[in-house]
C-alpha atoms as a PDB file:
ATOM      1  CA  MET A   1      -5.084  10.380 -21.973  1.00  0.00           C
ATOM      2  CA  ALA A   2      -6.716  12.380 -19.203  1.00  0.00           C
ATOM      3  CA  ASP A   3      -5.203  15.291 -17.383  1.00  0.00           C
ATOM      4  CA  PRO A   4      -3.007  14.035 -14.477  1.00  0.00           C
ATOM      5  CA  ALA A   5      -4.585  16.566 -12.121  1.00  0.00           C
ATOM      6  CA  ARG A   6      -8.034  15.267 -12.996  1.00  0.00           C
ATOM      7  CA  ALA A   7      -6.899  11.665 -12.441  1.00  0.00           C
ATOM      8  CA  ARG A   8      -5.471  12.626  -9.032  1.00  0.00           C
ATOM      9  CA  LYS A   9      -8.706  14.376  -8.011  1.00  0.00           C
ATOM     10  CA  LEU A  10     -10.756  11.401  -9.141  1.00  0.00           C
ATOM     11  CA  ALA A  11      -8.514   9.015  -7.184  1.00  0.00           C
ATOM     12  CA  GLU A  12      -8.923  11.111  -4.033  1.00  0.00           C
ATOM     13  CA  ARG A  13     -12.693  11.197  -4.467  1.00  0.00           C
ATOM     14  CA  ILE A  14     -12.862   7.438  -5.030  1.00  0.00           C
ATOM     15  CA  SER A  15     -10.873   6.791  -1.870  1.00  0.00           C
ATOM     16  CA  GLN A  16     -13.238   9.046   0.131  1.00  0.00           C
ATOM     17  CA  ILE A  17     -16.314   7.323  -1.257  1.00  0.00           C
ATOM     18  CA  VAL A  18     -14.975   3.834  -0.567  1.00  0.00           C
ATOM     19  CA  ALA A  19     -13.902   4.771   2.966  1.00  0.00           C
ATOM     20  CA  ARG A  20     -17.381   6.109   3.728  1.00  0.00           C
ATOM     21  CA  LEU A  21     -18.933   3.033   2.137  1.00  0.00           C
ATOM     22  CA  LEU A  22     -16.852   0.740   4.342  1.00  0.00           C
ATOM     23  CA  GLU A  23     -18.001   2.627   7.438  1.00  0.00           C
ATOM     24  CA  THR A  24     -21.688   2.735   6.641  1.00  0.00           C
ATOM     25  CA  ARG A  25     -22.783  -0.006   4.242  1.00  0.00           C
ATOM     26  CA  VAL A  26     -20.465  -3.002   4.704  1.00  0.00           C
ATOM     27  CA  LYS A  27     -21.876  -4.874   7.684  1.00  0.00           C
ATOM     28  CA  ASP A  28     -19.536  -7.882   7.617  1.00  0.00           C
ATOM     29  CA  PRO A  29     -18.359  -8.699  11.166  1.00  0.00           C
ATOM     30  CA  ARG A  30     -14.981  -9.854   9.773  1.00  0.00           C
ATOM     31  CA  LEU A  31     -14.198  -6.296   8.672  1.00  0.00           C
ATOM     32  CA  GLY A  32     -11.612  -4.809  11.015  1.00  0.00           C
ATOM     33  CA  PHE A  33     -10.163  -1.339  11.385  1.00  0.00           C
ATOM     34  CA  VAL A  34      -9.405  -0.506   7.734  1.00  0.00           C
ATOM     35  CA  THR A  35      -7.705   2.615   6.425  1.00  0.00           C
ATOM     36  CA  ILE A  36      -7.679   3.443   2.724  1.00  0.00           C
ATOM     37  CA  THR A  37      -4.090   4.591   2.217  1.00  0.00           C
ATOM     38  CA  ASP A  38      -3.912   5.285  -1.515  1.00  0.00           C
ATOM     39  CA  ALA A  39      -5.923   5.215  -4.707  1.00  0.00           C
ATOM     40  CA  ARG A  40      -4.552   5.240  -8.218  1.00  0.00           C
ATOM     41  CA  VAL A  41      -6.464   5.718 -11.446  1.00  0.00           C
ATOM     42  CA  THR A  42      -5.214   4.720 -14.868  1.00  0.00           C
ATOM     43  CA  GLY A  43      -4.500   7.403 -17.423  1.00  0.00           C
ATOM     44  CA  ASP A  44      -7.735   6.755 -19.307  1.00  0.00           C
ATOM     45  CA  LEU A  45      -9.770   6.888 -16.036  1.00  0.00           C
ATOM     46  CA  GLN A  46     -11.126   3.391 -16.654  1.00  0.00           C
ATOM     47  CA  HIS A  47      -9.627   1.504 -13.703  1.00  0.00           C
ATOM     48  CA  ALA A  48      -8.853   2.383 -10.124  1.00  0.00           C
ATOM     49  CA  THR A  49      -6.656   0.508  -7.663  1.00  0.00           C
ATOM     50  CA  LEU A  50      -7.141   1.026  -3.941  1.00  0.00           C
ATOM     51  CA  TYR A  51      -4.570   0.268  -1.267  1.00  0.00           C
ATOM     52  CA  TYR A  52      -5.489  -0.295   2.366  1.00  0.00           C
ATOM     53  CA  THR A  53      -3.982  -1.145   5.731  1.00  0.00           C
ATOM     54  CA  VAL A  54      -5.535  -3.040   8.610  1.00  0.00           C
ATOM     55  CA  PHE A  55      -4.809  -2.410  12.273  1.00  0.00           C
ATOM     56  CA  GLY A  56      -4.410  -5.698  14.117  1.00  0.00           C
ATOM     57  CA  ASP A  57      -2.730  -9.073  14.024  1.00  0.00           C
ATOM     58  CA  GLU A  58      -2.418 -11.468  11.098  1.00  0.00           C
ATOM     59  CA  LYS A  59      -5.806 -13.124  11.750  1.00  0.00           C
ATOM     60  CA  GLU A  60      -7.595  -9.760  11.651  1.00  0.00           C
ATOM     61  CA  ARG A  61      -5.788  -8.902   8.425  1.00  0.00           C
ATOM     62  CA  ALA A  62      -6.868 -12.177   6.836  1.00  0.00           C
ATOM     63  CA  ASP A  63     -10.461 -11.756   8.038  1.00  0.00           C
ATOM     64  CA  THR A  64     -10.592  -8.205   6.705  1.00  0.00           C
ATOM     65  CA  ALA A  65      -9.177  -9.304   3.345  1.00  0.00           C
ATOM     66  CA  ALA A  66     -11.902 -11.969   3.134  1.00  0.00           C
ATOM     67  CA  ALA A  67     -14.602  -9.449   4.047  1.00  0.00           C
ATOM     68  CA  LEU A  68     -13.369  -6.997   1.416  1.00  0.00           C
ATOM     69  CA  ALA A  69     -13.209  -9.761  -1.189  1.00  0.00           C
ATOM     70  CA  SER A  70     -16.824 -10.700  -0.501  1.00  0.00           C
ATOM     71  CA  ALA A  71     -17.913  -7.034  -0.679  1.00  0.00           C
ATOM     72  CA  THR A  72     -16.014  -6.261  -3.888  1.00  0.00           C
ATOM     73  CA  GLY A  73     -19.089  -6.253  -6.110  1.00  0.00           C
ATOM     74  CA  MET A  74     -20.980  -3.862  -3.862  1.00  0.00           C
ATOM     75  CA  ILE A  75     -17.957  -1.566  -3.545  1.00  0.00           C
ATOM     76  CA  ARG A  76     -17.459  -1.462  -7.316  1.00  0.00           C
ATOM     77  CA  SER A  77     -21.061  -0.530  -7.968  1.00  0.00           C
END
């Protein structure tokens, strides 16, 4: 089990990297105004879960969810 402070730092860094990646590399027009709100890393530092919010109505939320689903592989790499 990793140090909780290290897991927290890694989660913060992952959220920064993904936020920058969404701004610069994801060119999907369906992607709306997305904010990465939280990131959590498992105790063994193997898996990370990201939470996000989308500014807009329900259609923009659905479009953004579809854009993020199609960009999942690129974001994970």
